[in-house]
Every structure is written in C-alpha cells, then in structure tokens.
Amino acid sequence: MAVARKPLQKQKQDLTEGRLAALGDIISTGWSAAGRKNALDRLVQAGLPHPRDEYWKFTRPEALTRVEPEKAAIFTSDDAEIFEDLDRIKIVFVDGVFNAAESDDLTLSGVKIDRLADASGADIHWAQGLYGTLEERGQDPVSRPLAAMNTAYASDGVLIHVTGKAAQPISLIYHPTSVSADSLFHMVN
C-alpha cells in the first residue's frame, strides 16, 4: 500500500507557515516597511525551498529552513586576515549583529554609512525606494525565497551610500561565534 503524500505546494506552504510563525512579525514601520512587506509576499508566494524542488534537488534546503538550524562547525584559522595591513574602515558583525566596540567610527568622507537597525525607524531615508529592489530583481529567472526572507526579516546590517570619492576602503567583517536561529545571516553585495 502506497503512502499518500501531500502535494509539493502544500508541503512548501506548511513549511513556510511554520517557519514564519517562529520568526514572528516583520518590522512594519518606517521607510523599509513597504520593501519588507513586498519581500514577505514573494516568500509566501514561492514558499521555502523543498528537496523536491527542481532547483534544490541536489541540496538539503531543510538545513537552511529549520527553526533551529543544525550546529555548524566554526572555521578558525591562524592565518592573518587578508586586508589586515590595509588602512580601511572596519564594520564588524558578531553573529550577524553590528558590534560597535570592534568597528571603526562609521564617519567617512565621500560615504554615508547607516546601521539598518538605526535607520529603519526614520520616516525618510535615502534608501527608502531602494530597500529590497536588488533582491526582488534577483527573483528572475529562479525564485530565491531565502533572499526574500532575509529582506523581510533583516534586523541589522549597514546601508552604504557613496556620495563622492571614499577616503578609505570599507571592510565588512563577520565573526561567527555560534550558529543559532538568531545568528543566521546573508551577505548581499
């Protein structure tokens, strides 16, 4: 006797609803609210990836979509950082959260740098019409639901607005110390 399987779309819908319930509400105020809502709509429409999705068939997407992700090994190395000797502005994130103590002053001639956590509450910001547009454009020709989830739920990050010639290079540094549901991150260039 064959076991009846839920159709793929129903499985994806259930997975997506469960994961979104665990994440809670998105930030729904300020200039990023419309971009976040649009990203959430794209995520709900696409559903989280499933091993039966053609695009994901050679991966294990459940490792990325679980409420409590698998513990990952943290890579450590005694090698010197590649840009260690370069005079630069360092912006450091520890487990996905901005670390002011390890970061340099974010003031830089020719560049305006704002933390997403600080800028989200502002009514008007230079990024108002831009938040989520690169992620949205990246949804074609293949749906990228994890990128949409990141856009909808991002709680910290940096907004870099180049207004002239930067006085120094900018280096974004991520230091993982643990892997938990709260420390998952995506780097978007």
N, C-alpha and C. Protein backbone atom coordinates (compact mmCIF):
# COMPACT_ATOMS: atom_id res chain seq x y z
N MET A 1 0.84 -1.19 0.00
CA MET A 1 0.00 0.00 0.00
C MET A 1 0.88 1.25 0.00
N ALA A 2 0.64 2.12 -0.92
CA ALA A 2 1.43 3.35 -1.04
C ALA A 2 0.97 4.38 -0.01
N VAL A 3 1.93 5.08 0.52
CA VAL A 3 1.63 6.14 1.48
C VAL A 3 1.29 7.41 0.69
N ALA A 4 0.16 8.00 1.01
CA ALA A 4 -0.25 9.22 0.31
C ALA A 4 0.61 10.39 0.77
N ARG A 5 1.16 11.08 -0.18
CA ARG A 5 1.98 12.25 0.10
C ARG A 5 1.20 13.52 -0.17
N LYS A 6 1.46 14.53 0.65
CA LYS A 6 0.85 15.83 0.37
C LYS A 6 1.47 16.35 -0.92
N PRO A 7 0.71 17.06 -1.71
CA PRO A 7 1.30 17.69 -2.89
C PRO A 7 2.43 18.63 -2.46
N LEU A 8 3.42 18.80 -3.33
CA LEU A 8 4.58 19.61 -3.02
C LEU A 8 4.20 21.01 -2.57
N GLN A 9 3.27 21.64 -3.26
CA GLN A 9 2.90 23.02 -2.91
C GLN A 9 2.34 23.08 -1.49
N LYS A 10 1.57 22.08 -1.08
CA LYS A 10 1.01 22.05 0.29
C LYS A 10 2.14 21.85 1.30
N GLN A 11 3.11 20.99 0.99
CA GLN A 11 4.25 20.78 1.88
C GLN A 11 5.04 22.07 2.05
N LYS A 12 5.27 22.78 0.94
CA LYS A 12 6.01 24.03 1.00
C LYS A 12 5.24 25.09 1.79
N GLN A 13 3.92 25.14 1.59
CA GLN A 13 3.08 26.10 2.30
C GLN A 13 3.15 25.83 3.81
N ASP A 14 3.04 24.55 4.21
CA ASP A 14 3.11 24.21 5.63
C ASP A 14 4.47 24.57 6.23
N LEU A 15 5.53 24.25 5.50
CA LEU A 15 6.89 24.57 5.94
C LEU A 15 7.06 26.08 6.11
N THR A 16 6.59 26.83 5.12
CA THR A 16 6.72 28.29 5.15
C THR A 16 5.93 28.88 6.31
N GLU A 17 4.69 28.45 6.48
CA GLU A 17 3.86 28.97 7.57
C GLU A 17 4.49 28.69 8.93
N GLY A 18 5.04 27.48 9.11
CA GLY A 18 5.67 27.13 10.38
C GLY A 18 6.89 27.99 10.66
N ARG A 19 7.72 28.20 9.64
CA ARG A 19 8.94 28.99 9.82
C ARG A 19 8.62 30.46 10.09
N LEU A 20 7.63 31.00 9.37
CA LEU A 20 7.26 32.40 9.58
C LEU A 20 6.63 32.61 10.95
N ALA A 21 5.87 31.63 11.43
CA ALA A 21 5.29 31.73 12.77
C ALA A 21 6.40 31.80 13.82
N ALA A 22 7.47 31.04 13.60
CA ALA A 22 8.60 31.06 14.54
C ALA A 22 9.35 32.38 14.49
N LEU A 23 9.40 33.02 13.33
CA LEU A 23 10.12 34.30 13.19
C LEU A 23 9.35 35.46 13.79
N GLY A 24 8.04 35.40 13.79
CA GLY A 24 7.23 36.49 14.32
C GLY A 24 6.94 37.54 13.26
N ASP A 25 6.59 38.73 13.72
CA ASP A 25 6.22 39.82 12.81
C ASP A 25 7.45 40.50 12.22
N ILE A 26 7.28 41.02 11.01
CA ILE A 26 8.35 41.81 10.40
C ILE A 26 8.27 43.23 10.93
N ILE A 27 9.36 43.98 10.76
CA ILE A 27 9.35 45.39 11.13
C ILE A 27 8.40 46.09 10.16
N SER A 28 7.33 46.66 10.67
CA SER A 28 6.31 47.20 9.78
C SER A 28 6.16 48.71 9.87
N THR A 29 7.19 49.38 10.37
CA THR A 29 7.14 50.83 10.42
C THR A 29 8.38 51.39 9.73
N GLY A 30 8.31 52.66 9.41
CA GLY A 30 9.46 53.34 8.80
C GLY A 30 9.54 53.09 7.31
N TRP A 31 10.61 53.60 6.73
CA TRP A 31 10.79 53.60 5.28
C TRP A 31 10.99 52.21 4.69
N SER A 32 11.43 51.23 5.46
CA SER A 32 11.68 49.89 4.92
C SER A 32 10.44 48.99 4.93
N ALA A 33 9.35 49.45 5.51
CA ALA A 33 8.15 48.61 5.68
C ALA A 33 7.61 48.11 4.35
N ALA A 34 7.53 48.95 3.34
CA ALA A 34 6.99 48.52 2.05
C ALA A 34 7.88 47.46 1.40
N GLY A 35 9.20 47.66 1.44
CA GLY A 35 10.13 46.68 0.88
C GLY A 35 10.06 45.35 1.61
N ARG A 36 9.91 45.41 2.93
CA ARG A 36 9.81 44.19 3.74
C ARG A 36 8.50 43.44 3.43
N LYS A 37 7.41 44.19 3.32
CA LYS A 37 6.11 43.57 3.02
C LYS A 37 6.14 42.91 1.64
N ASN A 38 6.71 43.60 0.65
CA ASN A 38 6.82 43.02 -0.69
C ASN A 38 7.65 41.75 -0.67
N ALA A 39 8.75 41.74 0.08
CA ALA A 39 9.60 40.56 0.18
C ALA A 39 8.84 39.41 0.86
N LEU A 40 8.09 39.73 1.90
CA LEU A 40 7.30 38.70 2.58
C LEU A 40 6.26 38.10 1.63
N ASP A 41 5.63 38.95 0.82
CA ASP A 41 4.67 38.45 -0.17
C ASP A 41 5.34 37.51 -1.17
N ARG A 42 6.56 37.85 -1.63
CA ARG A 42 7.30 36.97 -2.55
C ARG A 42 7.63 35.64 -1.89
N LEU A 43 8.03 35.70 -0.62
CA LEU A 43 8.36 34.49 0.12
C LEU A 43 7.15 33.58 0.26
N VAL A 44 6.02 34.15 0.66
CA VAL A 44 4.80 33.36 0.84
C VAL A 44 4.36 32.75 -0.49
N GLN A 45 4.45 33.52 -1.56
CA GLN A 45 4.05 33.01 -2.88
C GLN A 45 4.96 31.87 -3.34
N ALA A 46 6.27 32.02 -3.15
CA ALA A 46 7.21 30.99 -3.61
C ALA A 46 7.26 29.80 -2.66
N GLY A 47 7.13 30.07 -1.38
CA GLY A 47 7.31 29.03 -0.37
C GLY A 47 8.79 28.76 -0.16
N LEU A 48 9.12 28.25 1.01
CA LEU A 48 10.51 27.91 1.29
C LEU A 48 10.93 26.72 0.43
N PRO A 49 12.21 26.61 0.14
CA PRO A 49 12.67 25.52 -0.73
C PRO A 49 12.44 24.15 -0.09
N HIS A 50 12.21 23.18 -0.93
CA HIS A 50 11.93 21.80 -0.52
C HIS A 50 12.82 20.89 -1.36
N PRO A 51 13.27 19.77 -0.81
CA PRO A 51 14.14 18.87 -1.59
C PRO A 51 13.54 18.39 -2.91
N ARG A 52 12.22 18.43 -3.03
CA ARG A 52 11.58 18.00 -4.28
C ARG A 52 11.52 19.12 -5.32
N ASP A 53 11.92 20.35 -4.94
CA ASP A 53 12.01 21.43 -5.92
C ASP A 53 13.16 21.12 -6.87
N GLU A 54 12.95 21.31 -8.15
CA GLU A 54 13.98 21.03 -9.14
C GLU A 54 15.27 21.80 -8.85
N TYR A 55 15.15 23.05 -8.53
CA TYR A 55 16.32 23.90 -8.31
C TYR A 55 17.12 23.47 -7.08
N TRP A 56 16.48 22.81 -6.13
CA TRP A 56 17.10 22.44 -4.86
C TRP A 56 17.38 20.94 -4.73
N LYS A 57 17.22 20.18 -5.80
CA LYS A 57 17.25 18.72 -5.69
C LYS A 57 18.59 18.15 -5.27
N PHE A 58 19.69 18.84 -5.45
CA PHE A 58 21.00 18.33 -5.04
C PHE A 58 21.50 18.96 -3.75
N THR A 59 20.61 19.60 -3.02
CA THR A 59 20.98 20.23 -1.76
C THR A 59 20.07 19.73 -0.66
N ARG A 60 20.33 20.22 0.53
CA ARG A 60 19.48 19.90 1.68
C ARG A 60 18.88 21.21 2.20
N PRO A 61 17.85 21.73 1.56
CA PRO A 61 17.34 23.04 1.99
C PRO A 61 16.79 23.03 3.40
N GLU A 62 16.41 21.88 3.92
CA GLU A 62 15.87 21.85 5.29
C GLU A 62 16.91 22.30 6.31
N ALA A 63 18.19 22.17 5.98
CA ALA A 63 19.24 22.67 6.87
C ALA A 63 19.19 24.19 6.98
N LEU A 64 18.63 24.85 5.97
CA LEU A 64 18.55 26.31 5.96
C LEU A 64 17.20 26.84 6.44
N THR A 65 16.20 25.99 6.49
CA THR A 65 14.85 26.48 6.78
C THR A 65 14.32 26.04 8.14
N ARG A 66 15.04 25.21 8.86
CA ARG A 66 14.60 24.78 10.19
C ARG A 66 14.52 25.96 11.14
N VAL A 67 13.62 25.85 12.10
CA VAL A 67 13.54 26.87 13.14
C VAL A 67 14.84 26.85 13.94
N GLU A 68 15.34 25.68 14.28
CA GLU A 68 16.63 25.54 14.94
C GLU A 68 17.58 24.86 13.96
N PRO A 69 18.47 25.63 13.33
CA PRO A 69 19.36 25.04 12.32
C PRO A 69 20.36 24.06 12.94
N GLU A 70 20.91 23.21 12.09
CA GLU A 70 21.94 22.30 12.54
C GLU A 70 23.14 23.09 13.03
N LYS A 71 23.79 22.57 14.03
CA LYS A 71 25.01 23.20 14.54
C LYS A 71 26.09 23.04 13.48
N ALA A 72 26.73 24.11 13.11
CA ALA A 72 27.77 24.08 12.11
C ALA A 72 29.12 24.28 12.78
N ALA A 73 30.12 23.71 12.18
CA ALA A 73 31.48 23.92 12.68
C ALA A 73 31.89 25.36 12.39
N ILE A 74 32.53 25.98 13.33
CA ILE A 74 33.02 27.34 13.14
C ILE A 74 34.46 27.22 12.66
N PHE A 75 34.72 27.78 11.50
CA PHE A 75 36.06 27.73 10.92
C PHE A 75 36.95 28.73 11.63
N THR A 76 38.07 28.26 12.08
CA THR A 76 39.06 29.15 12.68
C THR A 76 40.38 28.95 11.96
N SER A 77 41.16 29.98 11.92
CA SER A 77 42.43 29.91 11.23
C SER A 77 43.42 30.83 11.91
N ASP A 78 44.68 30.42 11.89
CA ASP A 78 45.74 31.27 12.43
C ASP A 78 46.28 32.21 11.36
N ASP A 79 45.76 32.10 10.14
CA ASP A 79 46.23 32.95 9.05
C ASP A 79 45.83 34.41 9.32
N ALA A 80 46.70 35.30 8.96
CA ALA A 80 46.40 36.73 9.10
C ALA A 80 45.28 37.10 8.13
N GLU A 81 44.44 38.03 8.55
CA GLU A 81 43.39 38.50 7.66
C GLU A 81 44.02 39.10 6.42
N ILE A 82 43.41 38.87 5.28
CA ILE A 82 43.99 39.27 4.00
C ILE A 82 44.18 40.79 3.89
N PHE A 83 43.31 41.57 4.52
CA PHE A 83 43.39 43.03 4.41
C PHE A 83 43.90 43.67 5.71
N GLU A 84 44.51 42.90 6.57
CA GLU A 84 44.92 43.38 7.89
C GLU A 84 45.81 44.62 7.82
N ASP A 85 46.71 44.68 6.85
CA ASP A 85 47.64 45.80 6.77
C ASP A 85 47.10 47.00 5.99
N LEU A 86 45.90 46.89 5.48
CA LEU A 86 45.30 47.95 4.68
C LEU A 86 44.62 48.97 5.59
N ASP A 87 44.86 50.25 5.35
CA ASP A 87 44.19 51.31 6.10
C ASP A 87 42.75 51.37 5.60
N ARG A 88 41.80 51.01 6.43
CA ARG A 88 40.41 50.87 6.00
C ARG A 88 39.46 51.13 7.16
N ILE A 89 38.21 51.32 6.83
CA ILE A 89 37.15 51.40 7.83
C ILE A 89 36.63 49.98 8.03
N LYS A 90 36.66 49.50 9.26
CA LYS A 90 36.17 48.16 9.57
C LYS A 90 34.76 48.26 10.16
N ILE A 91 33.85 47.49 9.57
CA ILE A 91 32.50 47.36 10.10
C ILE A 91 32.34 45.90 10.48
N VAL A 92 32.22 45.64 11.78
CA VAL A 92 32.26 44.28 12.29
C VAL A 92 30.88 43.83 12.79
N PHE A 93 30.53 42.61 12.39
CA PHE A 93 29.32 41.96 12.86
C PHE A 93 29.72 40.69 13.59
N VAL A 94 29.16 40.47 14.76
CA VAL A 94 29.39 39.24 15.51
C VAL A 94 28.06 38.50 15.54
N ASP A 95 28.05 37.33 14.97
CA ASP A 95 26.82 36.53 14.84
C ASP A 95 25.69 37.33 14.22
N GLY A 96 26.03 38.13 13.21
CA GLY A 96 25.02 38.86 12.46
C GLY A 96 24.57 40.18 13.07
N VAL A 97 25.14 40.56 14.20
CA VAL A 97 24.74 41.80 14.89
C VAL A 97 25.93 42.75 14.89
N PHE A 98 25.67 44.01 14.53
CA PHE A 98 26.71 45.03 14.50
C PHE A 98 27.40 45.12 15.85
N ASN A 99 28.71 45.18 15.84
CA ASN A 99 29.50 45.29 17.06
C ASN A 99 30.26 46.62 17.02
N ALA A 100 29.73 47.60 17.73
CA ALA A 100 30.33 48.94 17.72
C ALA A 100 31.72 48.95 18.34
N ALA A 101 31.96 48.11 19.34
CA ALA A 101 33.25 48.09 20.01
C ALA A 101 34.37 47.63 19.09
N GLU A 102 34.09 46.71 18.20
CA GLU A 102 35.12 46.20 17.28
C GLU A 102 35.16 46.98 15.97
N SER A 103 34.14 47.78 15.72
CA SER A 103 34.07 48.54 14.47
C SER A 103 34.72 49.90 14.61
N ASP A 104 35.11 50.45 13.48
CA ASP A 104 35.64 51.80 13.45
C ASP A 104 34.48 52.79 13.43
N ASP A 105 34.81 54.07 13.66
CA ASP A 105 33.82 55.13 13.53
C ASP A 105 33.27 55.09 12.10
N LEU A 106 31.96 55.14 11.94
CA LEU A 106 31.34 54.99 10.63
C LEU A 106 31.34 56.29 9.83
N THR A 107 31.99 57.32 10.31
CA THR A 107 32.09 58.57 9.59
C THR A 107 33.23 58.47 8.59
N LEU A 108 32.92 58.74 7.33
CA LEU A 108 33.93 58.62 6.28
C LEU A 108 33.62 59.63 5.19
N SER A 109 34.60 60.39 4.81
CA SER A 109 34.43 61.38 3.74
C SER A 109 34.07 60.68 2.44
N GLY A 110 33.02 61.16 1.78
CA GLY A 110 32.59 60.60 0.49
C GLY A 110 31.62 59.45 0.61
N VAL A 111 31.32 59.04 1.84
CA VAL A 111 30.43 57.89 2.06
C VAL A 111 29.57 58.16 3.29
N LYS A 112 28.30 57.81 3.18
CA LYS A 112 27.41 57.88 4.34
C LYS A 112 27.05 56.45 4.72
N ILE A 113 27.33 56.07 5.96
CA ILE A 113 27.07 54.71 6.43
C ILE A 113 26.08 54.78 7.58
N ASP A 114 24.98 54.06 7.43
CA ASP A 114 23.97 53.98 8.49
C ASP A 114 23.74 52.51 8.84
N ARG A 115 23.50 52.25 10.10
CA ARG A 115 23.08 50.91 10.51
C ARG A 115 21.61 50.76 10.18
N LEU A 116 21.24 49.62 9.66
CA LEU A 116 19.85 49.34 9.33
C LEU A 116 18.98 49.46 10.58
N ALA A 117 19.46 48.94 11.70
CA ALA A 117 18.69 49.00 12.94
C ALA A 117 18.39 50.43 13.37
N ASP A 118 19.32 51.35 13.13
CA ASP A 118 19.11 52.75 13.49
C ASP A 118 18.27 53.48 12.46
N ALA A 119 18.50 53.20 11.19
CA ALA A 119 17.85 53.93 10.11
C ALA A 119 16.40 53.50 9.88
N SER A 120 16.04 52.28 10.26
CA SER A 120 14.69 51.77 9.98
C SER A 120 13.59 52.59 10.62
N GLY A 121 13.86 53.21 11.76
CA GLY A 121 12.85 53.99 12.44
C GLY A 121 12.62 55.36 11.84
N ALA A 122 13.51 55.82 10.97
CA ALA A 122 13.37 57.15 10.37
C ALA A 122 12.22 57.14 9.36
N ASP A 123 11.52 58.25 9.26
CA ASP A 123 10.42 58.35 8.31
C ASP A 123 10.93 58.46 6.89
N ILE A 124 12.00 59.19 6.70
CA ILE A 124 12.55 59.38 5.36
C ILE A 124 14.04 59.03 5.42
N HIS A 125 14.46 58.28 4.47
CA HIS A 125 15.86 57.88 4.38
C HIS A 125 16.22 57.76 2.91
N TRP A 126 17.48 57.99 2.55
CA TRP A 126 17.87 57.92 1.14
C TRP A 126 17.61 56.55 0.53
N ALA A 127 17.53 55.49 1.33
CA ALA A 127 17.32 54.13 0.81
C ALA A 127 15.85 53.77 0.70
N GLN A 128 14.96 54.70 0.97
CA GLN A 128 13.52 54.41 1.04
C GLN A 128 13.00 53.68 -0.19
N GLY A 129 13.33 54.13 -1.39
CA GLY A 129 12.83 53.48 -2.59
C GLY A 129 13.71 52.35 -3.09
N LEU A 130 14.79 52.07 -2.36
CA LEU A 130 15.75 51.07 -2.82
C LEU A 130 15.72 49.76 -2.05
N TYR A 131 15.26 49.79 -0.80
CA TYR A 131 15.32 48.60 0.04
C TYR A 131 14.59 47.43 -0.60
N GLY A 132 15.31 46.35 -0.82
CA GLY A 132 14.73 45.13 -1.38
C GLY A 132 14.71 45.06 -2.89
N THR A 133 15.10 46.14 -3.60
CA THR A 133 14.98 46.12 -5.06
C THR A 133 15.96 45.15 -5.71
N LEU A 134 17.19 45.04 -5.21
CA LEU A 134 18.14 44.09 -5.78
C LEU A 134 17.68 42.65 -5.54
N GLU A 135 17.20 42.39 -4.36
CA GLU A 135 16.66 41.05 -4.06
C GLU A 135 15.47 40.75 -4.97
N GLU A 136 14.59 41.71 -5.14
CA GLU A 136 13.41 41.50 -6.00
C GLU A 136 13.83 41.21 -7.44
N ARG A 137 14.78 41.98 -7.95
CA ARG A 137 15.25 41.74 -9.33
C ARG A 137 15.93 40.39 -9.45
N GLY A 138 16.53 39.91 -8.38
CA GLY A 138 17.21 38.62 -8.39
C GLY A 138 16.27 37.43 -8.37
N GLN A 139 14.97 37.67 -8.28
CA GLN A 139 14.00 36.58 -8.24
C GLN A 139 13.69 36.00 -9.62
N ASP A 140 14.26 36.59 -10.64
CA ASP A 140 14.02 36.11 -12.01
C ASP A 140 15.36 35.72 -12.62
N PRO A 141 15.53 34.59 -13.20
CA PRO A 141 14.55 33.61 -13.65
C PRO A 141 14.22 32.54 -12.61
N VAL A 142 14.96 32.48 -11.48
CA VAL A 142 14.71 31.46 -10.47
C VAL A 142 14.29 32.12 -9.17
N SER A 143 13.23 31.62 -8.58
CA SER A 143 12.75 32.14 -7.31
C SER A 143 13.80 31.91 -6.23
N ARG A 144 14.05 32.92 -5.40
CA ARG A 144 15.03 32.82 -4.32
C ARG A 144 14.34 33.19 -3.00
N PRO A 145 13.59 32.25 -2.45
CA PRO A 145 12.80 32.54 -1.25
C PRO A 145 13.64 32.88 -0.02
N LEU A 146 14.84 32.32 0.12
CA LEU A 146 15.65 32.65 1.29
C LEU A 146 16.14 34.09 1.24
N ALA A 147 16.41 34.59 0.05
CA ALA A 147 16.78 36.00 -0.09
C ALA A 147 15.59 36.89 0.27
N ALA A 148 14.39 36.50 -0.15
CA ALA A 148 13.19 37.27 0.21
C ALA A 148 12.97 37.25 1.72
N MET A 149 13.22 36.10 2.36
CA MET A 149 13.07 36.01 3.81
C MET A 149 14.06 36.94 4.50
N ASN A 150 15.28 36.99 4.00
CA ASN A 150 16.29 37.88 4.56
C ASN A 150 15.87 39.34 4.44
N THR A 151 15.35 39.73 3.30
CA THR A 151 14.90 41.11 3.10
C THR A 151 13.76 41.45 4.04
N ALA A 152 12.82 40.53 4.21
CA ALA A 152 11.66 40.79 5.06
C ALA A 152 12.03 40.89 6.54
N TYR A 153 12.97 40.06 6.98
CA TYR A 153 13.23 39.96 8.42
C TYR A 153 14.57 40.53 8.88
N ALA A 154 15.33 41.16 8.01
CA ALA A 154 16.64 41.69 8.41
C ALA A 154 16.50 42.63 9.60
N SER A 155 17.27 42.37 10.64
CA SER A 155 17.19 43.22 11.84
C SER A 155 18.42 44.12 11.98
N ASP A 156 19.50 43.78 11.30
CA ASP A 156 20.69 44.60 11.38
C ASP A 156 21.45 44.49 10.07
N GLY A 157 22.29 45.43 9.83
CA GLY A 157 23.07 45.49 8.60
C GLY A 157 23.56 46.91 8.43
N VAL A 158 24.13 47.20 7.29
CA VAL A 158 24.57 48.56 7.02
C VAL A 158 24.05 49.02 5.67
N LEU A 159 23.78 50.29 5.60
CA LEU A 159 23.40 50.96 4.36
C LEU A 159 24.55 51.87 4.00
N ILE A 160 25.14 51.64 2.85
CA ILE A 160 26.31 52.41 2.43
C ILE A 160 25.93 53.24 1.21
N HIS A 161 25.99 54.55 1.38
CA HIS A 161 25.62 55.49 0.31
C HIS A 161 26.87 56.25 -0.10
N VAL A 162 27.35 55.96 -1.30
CA VAL A 162 28.56 56.62 -1.79
C VAL A 162 28.15 57.97 -2.39
N THR A 163 28.69 59.04 -1.81
CA THR A 163 28.34 60.39 -2.24
C THR A 163 29.49 61.08 -2.97
N GLY A 164 30.64 60.47 -2.96
CA GLY A 164 31.84 61.02 -3.59
C GLY A 164 32.94 59.99 -3.52
N LYS A 165 34.16 60.43 -3.63
CA LYS A 165 35.29 59.51 -3.54
C LYS A 165 35.53 59.16 -2.07
N ALA A 166 35.48 57.87 -1.77
CA ALA A 166 35.69 57.42 -0.39
C ALA A 166 37.13 57.66 0.02
N ALA A 167 37.31 58.17 1.22
CA ALA A 167 38.65 58.44 1.72
C ALA A 167 39.42 57.15 2.02
N GLN A 168 38.71 56.07 2.32
CA GLN A 168 39.32 54.79 2.64
C GLN A 168 38.42 53.67 2.13
N PRO A 169 38.99 52.48 1.93
CA PRO A 169 38.14 51.32 1.62
C PRO A 169 37.31 50.95 2.84
N ILE A 170 36.22 50.26 2.60
CA ILE A 170 35.34 49.79 3.67
C ILE A 170 35.42 48.27 3.71
N SER A 171 35.62 47.73 4.88
CA SER A 171 35.74 46.28 5.06
C SER A 171 34.63 45.80 5.98
N LEU A 172 33.75 44.93 5.47
CA LEU A 172 32.71 44.32 6.28
C LEU A 172 33.26 42.99 6.78
N ILE A 173 33.24 42.80 8.09
CA ILE A 173 33.83 41.62 8.71
C ILE A 173 32.75 40.91 9.52
N TYR A 174 32.63 39.61 9.32
CA TYR A 174 31.66 38.81 10.06
C TYR A 174 32.42 37.81 10.91
N HIS A 175 32.18 37.85 12.22
CA HIS A 175 32.78 36.90 13.15
C HIS A 175 31.68 36.01 13.70
N PRO A 176 31.64 34.75 13.28
CA PRO A 176 30.66 33.83 13.88
C PRO A 176 31.22 33.25 15.17
N THR A 177 30.41 33.23 16.21
CA THR A 177 30.81 32.57 17.45
C THR A 177 29.88 31.41 17.76
N SER A 178 28.71 31.44 17.15
CA SER A 178 27.76 30.35 17.33
C SER A 178 26.85 30.33 16.11
N VAL A 179 26.14 29.26 15.96
CA VAL A 179 25.15 29.19 14.90
C VAL A 179 23.83 28.86 15.56
N SER A 180 22.96 29.83 15.56
CA SER A 180 21.63 29.65 16.15
C SER A 180 20.62 30.32 15.25
N ALA A 181 19.36 30.15 15.55
CA ALA A 181 18.31 30.75 14.73
C ALA A 181 18.44 32.26 14.68
N ASP A 182 19.03 32.85 15.73
CA ASP A 182 19.16 34.31 15.76
C ASP A 182 20.41 34.82 15.07
N SER A 183 21.33 33.92 14.68
CA SER A 183 22.57 34.40 14.11
C SER A 183 22.72 34.05 12.64
N LEU A 184 21.68 33.58 11.99
CA LEU A 184 21.77 33.31 10.58
C LEU A 184 21.91 34.61 9.82
N PHE A 185 22.66 34.59 8.75
CA PHE A 185 22.89 35.84 8.02
C PHE A 185 23.10 35.56 6.55
N HIS A 186 22.92 36.58 5.75
CA HIS A 186 23.20 36.53 4.33
C HIS A 186 23.95 37.81 4.01
N MET A 187 24.99 37.69 3.24
CA MET A 187 25.71 38.88 2.80
C MET A 187 25.20 39.23 1.41
N VAL A 188 24.80 40.47 1.22
CA VAL A 188 24.33 40.93 -0.08
C VAL A 188 25.27 42.03 -0.53
N ASN A 189 25.85 41.87 -1.69
CA ASN A 189 26.76 42.88 -2.22
C ASN A 189 26.03 43.76 -3.21
